[in-house]
Amino acid sequence: METARLATVVAATVTVGWMSGLFYGFAVSVMPGLRLAADRTAIEAMQRINTAILNGWFLLGYVGALVFSAAAVALHAVGGGGRDALGPLIGALAAYLAAMGVTARISIPLNNALEQAGPVERIADPAAVRRAFEARWTRANTGRAVLCTISLGFLAWALVLH
């Protein structure tokens, strides 16, 4: 049981770390870089990124962070050991669930709207499409980066207590 507990905390830490790094990378480099690009260039880049990111590695991190965090909470809640780490693990899971909520309620609908705008060369008013997407998506992504970093911090704390 102890090996399973430790393994789930390590797996949760790694996968949440991937997601935290992904969102952080967008917050500090991708979106600031696209902010300097022309409207059509920024739209096309985000449309392509939104397609490319749907792959097994992304899903392993995104879903794995949830599964491993939840498993770590469950394994630490039962049995005789691991109770010291339970509080930080619950905090990590709650912060990651909040990040997933931001993704589901804000990021995905904005990504879908951007895709529904169609091929960039056919968009009549690319500035309007960009205005409807960029600022709100960037704020939501920064929120996800913060929430995932909080989750990662809780997981690091849980590892220390473990």
C-alpha atoms as a PDB file:
ATOM      1  CA  MET A   1       0.000   0.000   0.000  1.00  0.00           C
ATOM      2  CA  GLU A   2       2.826   2.385   0.851  1.00  0.00           C
ATOM      3  CA  THR A   3       4.411   1.913  -2.587  1.00  0.00           C
ATOM      4  CA  ALA A   4       1.089   2.625  -4.296  1.00  0.00           C
ATOM      5  CA  ARG A   5       0.604   5.764  -2.213  1.00  0.00           C
ATOM      6  CA  LEU A   6       4.031   7.098  -3.071  1.00  0.00           C
ATOM      7  CA  ALA A   7       3.702   6.158  -6.737  1.00  0.00           C
ATOM      8  CA  THR A   8       0.399   8.015  -7.106  1.00  0.00           C
ATOM      9  CA  VAL A   9       1.780  11.149  -5.455  1.00  0.00           C
ATOM     10  CA  VAL A  10       4.834  11.077  -7.713  1.00  0.00           C
ATOM     11  CA  ALA A  11       2.676  10.474 -10.819  1.00  0.00           C
ATOM     12  CA  ALA A  12       0.309  13.268  -9.796  1.00  0.00           C
ATOM     13  CA  THR A  13       3.255  15.611  -9.220  1.00  0.00           C
ATOM     14  CA  VAL A  14       4.745  14.855 -12.625  1.00  0.00           C
ATOM     15  CA  THR A  15       1.482  15.200 -14.565  1.00  0.00           C
ATOM     16  CA  VAL A  16       0.331  18.330 -12.730  1.00  0.00           C
ATOM     17  CA  GLY A  17       3.823  19.709 -13.326  1.00  0.00           C
ATOM     18  CA  TRP A  18       3.392  19.103 -17.064  1.00  0.00           C
ATOM     19  CA  MET A  19       0.093  20.991 -17.053  1.00  0.00           C
ATOM     20  CA  SER A  20       1.434  23.807 -14.917  1.00  0.00           C
ATOM     21  CA  GLY A  21       4.387  24.169 -17.272  1.00  0.00           C
ATOM     22  CA  LEU A  22       2.179  24.098 -20.348  1.00  0.00           C
ATOM     23  CA  PHE A  23      -0.113  26.834 -19.081  1.00  0.00           C
ATOM     24  CA  TYR A  24       2.837  28.846 -17.745  1.00  0.00           C
ATOM     25  CA  GLY A  25       4.573  28.597 -21.125  1.00  0.00           C
ATOM     26  CA  PHE A  26       1.502  29.963 -22.859  1.00  0.00           C
ATOM     27  CA  ALA A  27       1.183  32.747 -20.277  1.00  0.00           C
ATOM     28  CA  VAL A  28       4.773  33.969 -20.501  1.00  0.00           C
ATOM     29  CA  SER A  29       5.730  33.299 -24.117  1.00  0.00           C
ATOM     30  CA  VAL A  30       3.099  32.064 -26.560  1.00  0.00           C
ATOM     31  CA  MET A  31       0.367  34.607 -25.872  1.00  0.00           C
ATOM     32  CA  PRO A  32       2.734  37.591 -25.466  1.00  0.00           C
ATOM     33  CA  GLY A  33       4.354  36.573 -28.761  1.00  0.00           C
ATOM     34  CA  LEU A  34       1.008  36.260 -30.526  1.00  0.00           C
ATOM     35  CA  ARG A  35      -0.103  39.616 -29.107  1.00  0.00           C
ATOM     36  CA  LEU A  36       2.548  41.180 -31.376  1.00  0.00           C
ATOM     37  CA  ALA A  37       1.341  39.290 -34.462  1.00  0.00           C
ATOM     38  CA  ALA A  38      -1.187  40.427 -37.044  1.00  0.00           C
ATOM     39  CA  ASP A  39      -4.809  39.394 -36.447  1.00  0.00           C
ATOM     40  CA  ARG A  40      -4.897  36.699 -39.110  1.00  0.00           C
ATOM     41  CA  THR A  41      -1.538  35.310 -37.999  1.00  0.00           C
ATOM     42  CA  ALA A  42      -2.608  35.105 -34.353  1.00  0.00           C
ATOM     43  CA  ILE A  43      -5.936  33.473 -35.238  1.00  0.00           C
ATOM     44  CA  GLU A  44      -4.341  30.929 -37.547  1.00  0.00           C
ATOM     45  CA  ALA A  45      -1.644  30.088 -35.004  1.00  0.00           C
ATOM     46  CA  MET A  46      -4.192  29.484 -32.241  1.00  0.00           C
ATOM     47  CA  GLN A  47      -6.411  27.436 -34.545  1.00  0.00           C
ATOM     48  CA  ARG A  48      -3.442  25.229 -35.401  1.00  0.00           C
ATOM     49  CA  ILE A  49      -2.296  24.974 -31.781  1.00  0.00           C
ATOM     50  CA  ASN A  50      -5.813  23.998 -30.694  1.00  0.00           C
ATOM     51  CA  THR A  51      -5.775  21.168 -33.236  1.00  0.00           C
ATOM     52  CA  ALA A  52      -2.209  20.027 -32.547  1.00  0.00           C
ATOM     53  CA  ILE A  53      -2.596  19.905 -28.774  1.00  0.00           C
ATOM     54  CA  LEU A  54      -5.258  17.205 -28.939  1.00  0.00           C
ATOM     55  CA  ASN A  55      -2.845  14.301 -28.770  1.00  0.00           C
ATOM     56  CA  GLY A  56      -1.997  11.440 -26.452  1.00  0.00           C
ATOM     57  CA  TRP A  57       0.769  13.242 -24.589  1.00  0.00           C
ATOM     58  CA  PHE A  58      -1.502  16.170 -23.745  1.00  0.00           C
ATOM     59  CA  LEU A  59      -4.292  13.829 -22.663  1.00  0.00           C
ATOM     60  CA  LEU A  60      -1.874  11.825 -20.515  1.00  0.00           C
ATOM     61  CA  GLY A  61      -0.980  14.997 -18.640  1.00  0.00           C
ATOM     62  CA  TYR A  62      -4.441  16.552 -18.533  1.00  0.00           C
ATOM     63  CA  VAL A  63      -6.407  13.443 -17.549  1.00  0.00           C
ATOM     64  CA  GLY A  64      -3.502  11.793 -15.746  1.00  0.00           C
ATOM     65  CA  ALA A  65      -3.191  14.740 -13.367  1.00  0.00           C
ATOM     66  CA  LEU A  66      -6.815  14.277 -12.357  1.00  0.00           C
ATOM     67  CA  VAL A  67      -6.670  10.482 -12.106  1.00  0.00           C
ATOM     68  CA  PHE A  68      -3.383  10.340 -10.201  1.00  0.00           C
ATOM     69  CA  SER A  69      -4.362  13.170  -7.837  1.00  0.00           C
ATOM     70  CA  ALA A  70      -7.709  11.544  -7.070  1.00  0.00           C
ATOM     71  CA  ALA A  71      -6.039   8.149  -6.596  1.00  0.00           C
ATOM     72  CA  ALA A  72      -3.489   9.684  -4.238  1.00  0.00           C
ATOM     73  CA  VAL A  73      -6.282  11.210  -2.150  1.00  0.00           C
ATOM     74  CA  ALA A  74      -8.187   7.921  -2.072  1.00  0.00           C
ATOM     75  CA  LEU A  75      -5.143   5.831  -1.150  1.00  0.00           C
ATOM     76  CA  HIS A  76      -4.092   8.241   1.590  1.00  0.00           C
ATOM     77  CA  ALA A  77      -7.626   8.412   3.015  1.00  0.00           C
ATOM     78  CA  VAL A  78      -7.857   4.663   3.628  1.00  0.00           C
ATOM     79  CA  GLY A  79      -5.717   2.450   5.796  1.00  0.00           C
ATOM     80  CA  GLY A  80      -3.363   3.292   8.586  1.00  0.00           C
ATOM     81  CA  GLY A  81      -0.662   5.420   6.960  1.00  0.00           C
ATOM     82  CA  GLY A  82      -0.435   8.494   4.843  1.00  0.00           C
ATOM     83  CA  ARG A  83      -2.822  10.694   6.773  1.00  0.00           C
ATOM     84  CA  ASP A  84      -0.261  13.506   7.191  1.00  0.00           C
ATOM     85  CA  ALA A  85      -0.218  14.087   3.446  1.00  0.00           C
ATOM     86  CA  LEU A  86      -3.995  13.923   3.015  1.00  0.00           C
ATOM     87  CA  GLY A  87      -4.657  17.650   3.553  1.00  0.00           C
ATOM     88  CA  PRO A  88      -2.188  18.849   0.909  1.00  0.00           C
ATOM     89  CA  LEU A  89      -3.384  16.120  -1.472  1.00  0.00           C
ATOM     90  CA  ILE A  90      -6.973  17.302  -1.119  1.00  0.00           C
ATOM     91  CA  GLY A  91      -5.770  20.868  -1.735  1.00  0.00           C
ATOM     92  CA  ALA A  92      -3.889  19.719  -4.840  1.00  0.00           C
ATOM     93  CA  LEU A  93      -6.923  17.908  -6.203  1.00  0.00           C
ATOM     94  CA  ALA A  94      -9.221  20.869  -5.494  1.00  0.00           C
ATOM     95  CA  ALA A  95      -6.878  23.335  -7.235  1.00  0.00           C
ATOM     96  CA  TYR A  96      -6.513  21.046 -10.247  1.00  0.00           C
ATOM     97  CA  LEU A  97     -10.277  20.537 -10.459  1.00  0.00           C
ATOM     98  CA  ALA A  98     -10.680  24.323 -10.431  1.00  0.00           C
ATOM     99  CA  ALA A  99      -8.202  24.575 -13.333  1.00  0.00           C
ATOM    100  CA  MET A 100     -10.201  21.950 -15.215  1.00  0.00           C
ATOM    101  CA  GLY A 101     -13.337  23.983 -14.540  1.00  0.00           C
ATOM    102  CA  VAL A 102     -11.723  27.065 -16.094  1.00  0.00           C
ATOM    103  CA  THR A 103     -10.763  24.941 -19.091  1.00  0.00           C
ATOM    104  CA  ALA A 104     -14.275  23.537 -19.504  1.00  0.00           C
ATOM    105  CA  ARG A 105     -16.190  26.785 -18.926  1.00  0.00           C
ATOM    106  CA  ILE A 106     -13.935  29.311 -20.645  1.00  0.00           C
ATOM    107  CA  SER A 107     -11.009  27.946 -22.645  1.00  0.00           C
ATOM    108  CA  ILE A 108     -12.738  25.178 -24.592  1.00  0.00           C
ATOM    109  CA  PRO A 109     -15.760  27.298 -25.614  1.00  0.00           C
ATOM    110  CA  LEU A 110     -13.403  30.065 -26.776  1.00  0.00           C
ATOM    111  CA  ASN A 111     -11.309  27.527 -28.704  1.00  0.00           C
ATOM    112  CA  ASN A 112     -14.469  26.162 -30.313  1.00  0.00           C
ATOM    113  CA  ALA A 113     -15.644  29.650 -31.279  1.00  0.00           C
ATOM    114  CA  LEU A 114     -12.263  30.366 -32.824  1.00  0.00           C
ATOM    115  CA  GLU A 115     -12.486  27.163 -34.861  1.00  0.00           C
ATOM    116  CA  GLN A 116     -16.043  27.992 -35.930  1.00  0.00           C
ATOM    117  CA  ALA A 117     -14.793  31.306 -37.346  1.00  0.00           C
ATOM    118  CA  GLY A 118     -13.473  29.166 -40.182  1.00  0.00           C
ATOM    119  CA  PRO A 119     -10.350  29.392 -42.293  1.00  0.00           C
ATOM    120  CA  VAL A 120      -8.473  32.566 -41.472  1.00  0.00           C
ATOM    121  CA  GLU A 121      -8.398  33.777 -45.083  1.00  0.00           C
ATOM    122  CA  ARG A 122     -12.225  33.725 -45.163  1.00  0.00           C
ATOM    123  CA  ILE A 123     -12.818  35.656 -41.944  1.00  0.00           C
ATOM    124  CA  ALA A 124     -14.394  38.989 -42.868  1.00  0.00           C
ATOM    125  CA  ASP A 125     -13.383  40.813 -39.663  1.00  0.00           C
ATOM    126  CA  PRO A 126     -10.354  39.115 -38.098  1.00  0.00           C
ATOM    127  CA  ALA A 127      -9.935  41.925 -35.561  1.00  0.00           C
ATOM    128  CA  ALA A 128     -13.414  41.210 -34.149  1.00  0.00           C
ATOM    129  CA  VAL A 129     -12.731  37.475 -33.980  1.00  0.00           C
ATOM    130  CA  ARG A 130      -9.473  38.131 -32.172  1.00  0.00           C
ATOM    131  CA  ARG A 131     -11.075  40.592 -29.724  1.00  0.00           C
ATOM    132  CA  ALA A 132     -13.725  38.003 -28.854  1.00  0.00           C
ATOM    133  CA  PHE A 133     -11.040  35.419 -28.077  1.00  0.00           C
ATOM    134  CA  GLU A 134      -7.649  36.698 -27.046  1.00  0.00           C
ATOM    135  CA  ALA A 135      -8.021  38.736 -23.848  1.00  0.00           C
ATOM    136  CA  ARG A 136     -10.509  36.396 -22.180  1.00  0.00           C
ATOM    137  CA  TRP A 137      -8.576  33.268 -23.208  1.00  0.00           C
ATOM    138  CA  THR A 138      -5.309  34.773 -21.954  1.00  0.00           C
ATOM    139  CA  ARG A 139      -6.826  35.662 -18.558  1.00  0.00           C
ATOM    140  CA  ALA A 140      -8.328  32.176 -18.237  1.00  0.00           C
ATOM    141  CA  ASN A 141      -5.030  30.564 -19.165  1.00  0.00           C
ATOM    142  CA  THR A 142      -3.181  32.639 -16.574  1.00  0.00           C
ATOM    143  CA  GLY A 143      -5.736  31.469 -14.033  1.00  0.00           C
ATOM    144  CA  ARG A 144      -5.121  27.857 -15.039  1.00  0.00           C
ATOM    145  CA  ALA A 145      -1.370  28.388 -14.684  1.00  0.00           C
ATOM    146  CA  VAL A 146      -1.823  29.783 -11.182  1.00  0.00           C
ATOM    147  CA  LEU A 147      -4.219  27.018 -10.125  1.00  0.00           C
ATOM    148  CA  CYS A 148      -1.947  24.281 -11.484  1.00  0.00           C
ATOM    149  CA  THR A 149       1.039  25.851  -9.754  1.00  0.00           C
ATOM    150  CA  ILE A 150      -0.897  25.870  -6.493  1.00  0.00           C
ATOM    151  CA  SER A 151      -1.761  22.218  -7.077  1.00  0.00           C
ATOM    152  CA  LEU A 152       1.891  21.445  -7.774  1.00  0.00           C
ATOM    153  CA  GLY A 153       2.920  23.213  -4.575  1.00  0.00           C
ATOM    154  CA  PHE A 154       0.452  21.143  -2.555  1.00  0.00           C
ATOM    155  CA  LEU A 155       1.804  17.967  -4.172  1.00  0.00           C
ATOM    156  CA  ALA A 156       5.370  18.957  -3.309  1.00  0.00           C
ATOM    157  CA  TRP A 157       4.233  19.531   0.267  1.00  0.00           C
ATOM    158  CA  ALA A 158       2.565  16.104   0.273  1.00  0.00           C
ATOM    159  CA  LEU A 159       5.817  14.518  -0.913  1.00  0.00           C
ATOM    160  CA  VAL A 160       7.703  16.155   1.933  1.00  0.00           C
ATOM    161  CA  LEU A 161       5.136  14.915   4.456  1.00  0.00           C
ATOM    162  CA  HIS A 162       5.087  11.478   2.898  1.00  0.00           C
END
